[in-house]
Amino acid sequence: MIFKAIFGGSSGRIPATRLPAVHGFADVTVAGRPARSVSVEAVDDRTIVTREILGRPGEQAVFVYANDHGKYRFGTRILRAKDGETAFEAPKKVDVVGKAAGGGGAQKRASVRLDTIVPGQWRFAPGGKGMGDFVRANIRDISRGGCSLIVDRHIKGGTTLEVRLQLRSDRPVLVVLGEVMRTEPIAASGRFSHGLRFHGVTPEEDHAILDFINRKQAELRSRGLA
């Protein structure tokens, strides 16, 4: 009875709070090969679909992931793999391997940070409203929760900025708000690196950032660099 209460009652369904978050990351190990960090594209009662081809139908897999409720693990198998996606059988059992991080947003804090540099722009945004002209900058360490902004001047912690990112040439420029959390001088160049935490990111913007990270990771893997 206790087991049924934990894992969804007589229907055998796993509570949604224990499953991977759509557009979140999961570390997936297939048939004993090295784990791959991939995004989750869809979750329902029968399947969990991820980006990328991770193996062949019938191969066993292990998922490890975090969401706002905790960190979890389950075993499953591949149902199909085509069109750049892999569909896994929904788990019959999910094991808890860690508690949720305090303050919510565990999934974003656990997301991959991509160490690459892209051109961008920034301007001050007091009260969340951009003011003045945009100034060119370099942006690196992009994640779903923030980025590093490299500019020629020191910006005080707690300052709100508006940042423009061109993540894809065929898509509109992404404009997000970021709060300066830390500042570090770069001795070699005399510039400053500012760690930003994003605020008010919409689901569409979050997905655009996730898509950018996934594409860059795939490029690095194809070149043997990741």
Protein backbone atom coordinates (compact mmCIF):
# COMPACT_ATOMS: atom_id res chain seq x y z
CA MET A 1 0.00 0.00 0.00
CA ILE A 2 2.83 2.41 0.83
CA PHE A 3 4.53 1.66 -2.48
CA LYS A 4 1.31 2.32 -4.39
CA ALA A 5 0.77 5.59 -2.55
CA ILE A 6 4.25 6.82 -3.46
CA PHE A 7 4.24 5.78 -7.09
CA GLY A 8 0.77 6.71 -8.21
CA GLY A 9 -1.69 4.27 -6.68
CA SER A 10 -3.24 1.31 -8.43
CA SER A 11 -2.86 2.93 -11.87
CA GLY A 12 0.92 2.63 -11.54
CA ARG A 13 1.46 6.16 -12.82
CA ILE A 14 4.43 8.16 -11.55
CA PRO A 15 3.49 11.60 -10.13
CA ALA A 16 4.48 14.41 -12.47
CA THR A 17 6.53 15.98 -9.67
CA ARG A 18 8.96 13.03 -9.91
CA LEU A 19 9.38 13.12 -13.67
CA PRO A 20 11.82 15.21 -15.74
CA ALA A 21 10.68 18.74 -16.52
CA VAL A 22 9.87 19.47 -20.16
CA HIS A 23 12.70 21.61 -21.65
CA GLY A 24 14.86 20.64 -18.67
CA PHE A 25 18.10 18.66 -18.78
CA ALA A 26 18.67 15.01 -17.90
CA ASP A 27 21.87 12.95 -17.82
CA VAL A 28 21.13 9.80 -19.82
CA THR A 29 23.36 6.71 -19.88
CA VAL A 30 22.51 4.21 -22.62
CA ALA A 31 23.84 0.65 -22.63
CA GLY A 32 26.75 1.55 -20.36
CA ARG A 33 28.11 4.25 -22.67
CA PRO A 34 29.16 7.64 -21.20
CA ALA A 35 26.29 9.78 -19.91
CA ARG A 36 24.93 12.48 -22.22
CA SER A 37 23.28 15.67 -20.98
CA VAL A 38 20.23 16.26 -23.20
CA SER A 39 17.04 18.27 -23.09
CA VAL A 40 13.67 16.66 -22.45
CA GLU A 41 11.21 17.51 -25.21
CA ALA A 42 8.03 15.72 -24.08
CA VAL A 43 6.70 13.69 -21.16
CA ASP A 44 3.47 11.70 -20.99
CA ASP A 45 2.10 8.49 -19.46
CA ARG A 46 3.79 6.28 -22.04
CA THR A 47 6.96 7.97 -23.22
CA ILE A 48 9.71 10.46 -22.40
CA VAL A 49 11.25 12.08 -25.46
CA THR A 50 14.70 13.71 -25.53
CA ARG A 51 16.74 15.59 -28.10
CA GLU A 52 19.38 13.73 -30.10
CA ILE A 53 19.75 10.08 -31.08
CA LEU A 54 21.09 8.38 -27.96
CA GLY A 55 20.95 4.72 -28.94
CA ARG A 56 18.95 1.97 -30.63
CA PRO A 57 15.45 0.66 -29.87
CA GLY A 58 15.55 -1.93 -27.11
CA GLU A 59 18.71 -0.64 -25.44
CA GLN A 60 18.54 -0.04 -21.69
CA ALA A 61 19.02 3.45 -20.28
CA VAL A 62 19.31 5.26 -16.96
CA PHE A 63 18.05 8.81 -16.37
CA VAL A 64 19.42 11.10 -13.65
CA TYR A 65 17.90 14.57 -13.35
CA ALA A 66 16.77 17.32 -11.00
CA ASN A 67 13.59 19.35 -10.83
CA ASP A 68 12.08 21.75 -8.29
CA HIS A 69 11.09 18.81 -6.07
CA GLY A 70 14.35 16.88 -5.87
CA LYS A 71 16.88 14.76 -7.73
CA TYR A 72 15.74 11.46 -9.22
CA ARG A 73 16.87 8.37 -11.13
CA PHE A 74 15.11 5.65 -13.06
CA GLY A 75 15.83 2.85 -15.51
CA THR A 76 14.03 2.44 -18.83
CA ARG A 77 14.54 1.36 -22.44
CA ILE A 78 14.53 3.02 -25.85
CA LEU A 79 11.31 2.65 -27.84
CA ARG A 80 12.39 4.51 -30.97
CA ALA A 81 15.14 6.83 -32.21
CA LYS A 82 14.62 8.95 -35.30
CA ASP A 83 14.39 12.52 -36.60
CA GLY A 84 16.93 13.76 -34.07
CA GLU A 85 14.96 12.52 -31.04
CA THR A 86 14.90 9.45 -28.79
CA ALA A 87 11.72 8.15 -27.19
CA PHE A 88 12.02 6.14 -23.96
CA GLU A 89 9.45 4.01 -22.20
CA ALA A 90 7.90 5.86 -19.25
CA PRO A 91 9.39 4.54 -15.98
CA LYS A 92 7.55 2.12 -13.73
CA LYS A 93 9.57 3.25 -10.72
CA VAL A 94 11.50 6.41 -9.85
CA ASP A 95 14.12 6.53 -7.10
CA VAL A 96 14.84 9.66 -5.05
CA VAL A 97 18.58 10.40 -4.94
CA GLY A 98 18.60 13.91 -3.49
CA LYS A 99 16.52 16.69 -2.00
CA ALA A 100 15.37 19.81 -3.81
CA ALA A 101 17.64 22.83 -3.55
CA GLY A 102 16.24 25.59 -1.36
CA GLY A 103 14.48 28.58 -2.87
CA GLY A 104 13.01 26.82 -5.93
CA GLY A 105 14.37 26.83 -9.46
CA ALA A 106 16.46 23.71 -8.93
CA GLN A 107 16.19 22.71 -12.54
CA LYS A 108 17.61 25.99 -13.81
CA ARG A 109 20.47 25.95 -11.34
CA ALA A 110 21.34 22.42 -12.44
CA SER A 111 21.30 23.30 -16.13
CA VAL A 112 24.40 23.12 -18.30
CA ARG A 113 26.51 26.28 -18.65
CA LEU A 114 28.00 26.55 -22.13
CA ASP A 115 31.55 27.93 -22.18
CA THR A 116 31.51 29.76 -25.51
CA ILE A 117 31.76 33.41 -26.50
CA VAL A 118 29.10 35.14 -28.60
CA PRO A 119 28.78 38.82 -29.54
CA GLY A 120 26.09 40.78 -27.76
CA GLN A 121 24.99 44.17 -26.53
CA TRP A 122 23.91 45.68 -23.22
CA ARG A 123 22.45 48.79 -21.63
CA PHE A 124 21.28 49.86 -18.20
CA ALA A 125 17.70 48.92 -17.28
CA PRO A 126 16.72 50.59 -13.99
CA GLY A 127 13.39 49.24 -12.78
CA GLY A 128 13.49 46.66 -15.57
CA LYS A 129 13.18 49.24 -18.39
CA GLY A 130 16.06 49.66 -20.82
CA MET A 131 17.48 53.17 -21.18
CA GLY A 132 19.99 54.67 -23.60
CA ASP A 133 21.83 53.09 -26.50
CA PHE A 134 23.05 49.50 -26.55
CA VAL A 135 26.81 49.01 -26.21
CA ARG A 136 28.73 46.09 -27.72
CA ALA A 137 30.00 43.34 -25.42
CA ASN A 138 31.15 39.72 -25.37
CA ILE A 139 28.94 37.16 -23.70
CA ARG A 140 30.07 33.76 -22.48
CA ASP A 141 29.12 30.95 -20.04
CA ILE A 142 25.52 31.04 -21.23
CA SER A 143 23.00 28.99 -19.29
CA ARG A 144 19.24 29.07 -18.83
CA GLY A 145 19.74 31.00 -15.61
CA GLY A 146 22.32 33.59 -16.64
CA CYS A 147 25.56 34.43 -18.43
CA SER A 148 28.83 36.32 -18.13
CA LEU A 149 28.96 39.80 -19.64
CA ILE A 150 32.45 41.03 -20.60
CA VAL A 151 32.76 44.81 -20.99
CA ASP A 152 35.32 47.60 -20.65
CA ARG A 153 33.94 49.02 -17.41
CA HIS A 154 33.09 47.91 -13.90
CA ILE A 155 29.35 47.62 -13.20
CA LYS A 156 28.14 47.62 -9.61
CA GLY A 157 26.58 44.48 -8.15
CA GLY A 158 22.78 44.53 -8.03
CA THR A 159 22.53 46.64 -11.20
CA THR A 160 19.85 45.55 -13.68
CA LEU A 161 20.86 45.41 -17.33
CA GLU A 162 19.15 44.64 -20.61
CA VAL A 163 21.14 42.21 -22.74
CA ARG A 164 20.75 41.42 -26.43
CA LEU A 165 21.83 38.02 -27.73
CA GLN A 166 21.89 36.84 -31.34
CA LEU A 167 21.64 33.09 -30.78
CA ARG A 168 20.50 32.18 -34.29
CA SER A 169 20.88 34.13 -37.52
CA ASP A 170 17.43 33.00 -38.67
CA ARG A 171 15.63 34.01 -35.47
CA PRO A 172 14.86 37.36 -33.80
CA VAL A 173 17.42 38.82 -31.40
CA LEU A 174 16.82 37.68 -27.81
CA VAL A 175 16.49 40.53 -25.27
CA VAL A 176 16.58 39.57 -21.56
CA LEU A 177 16.99 41.30 -18.22
CA GLY A 178 19.97 40.39 -16.07
CA GLU A 179 21.06 41.35 -12.57
CA VAL A 180 24.79 41.75 -11.87
CA MET A 181 25.62 39.19 -9.17
CA ARG A 182 29.43 39.42 -9.20
CA THR A 183 32.25 41.25 -10.99
CA GLU A 184 35.78 40.05 -11.70
CA PRO A 185 38.60 41.98 -13.40
CA ILE A 186 40.33 40.31 -16.35
CA ALA A 187 44.01 41.11 -15.85
CA ALA A 188 45.12 40.16 -19.36
CA SER A 189 42.76 42.54 -21.13
CA GLY A 190 41.87 45.13 -18.50
CA ARG A 191 38.19 44.35 -19.02
CA PHE A 192 35.61 43.12 -16.50
CA SER A 193 33.54 39.95 -16.41
CA HIS A 194 30.11 40.33 -14.80
CA GLY A 195 28.07 37.32 -13.73
CA LEU A 196 24.43 37.98 -14.59
CA ARG A 197 21.31 36.24 -13.32
CA PHE A 198 18.40 36.39 -15.74
CA HIS A 199 15.01 37.69 -14.59
CA GLY A 200 11.57 37.32 -16.14
CA VAL A 201 12.60 34.88 -18.88
CA THR A 202 9.54 33.67 -20.79
CA PRO A 203 9.06 30.00 -21.78
CA GLU A 204 9.82 30.95 -25.40
CA GLU A 205 13.05 32.72 -24.40
CA ASP A 206 14.03 29.82 -22.14
CA HIS A 207 13.52 27.39 -25.01
CA ALA A 208 15.60 29.57 -27.36
CA ILE A 209 18.50 29.53 -24.88
CA LEU A 210 18.15 25.77 -24.38
CA ASP A 211 18.09 25.20 -28.14
CA PHE A 212 21.27 27.28 -28.53
CA ILE A 213 23.07 25.26 -25.83
CA ASN A 214 22.00 21.95 -27.36
CA ARG A 215 23.12 22.95 -30.86
CA LYS A 216 26.52 24.17 -29.66
CA GLN A 217 27.07 21.01 -27.62
CA ALA A 218 26.21 18.88 -30.66
CA GLU A 219 28.72 20.86 -32.74
CA LEU A 220 31.45 20.36 -30.14
CA ARG A 221 30.74 16.61 -29.94
CA SER A 222 30.87 16.29 -33.72
CA ARG A 223 34.35 17.86 -33.60
CA GLY A 224 35.45 15.63 -30.73
CA LEU A 225 35.70 18.56 -28.31
CA ALA A 226 32.97 17.51 -25.84
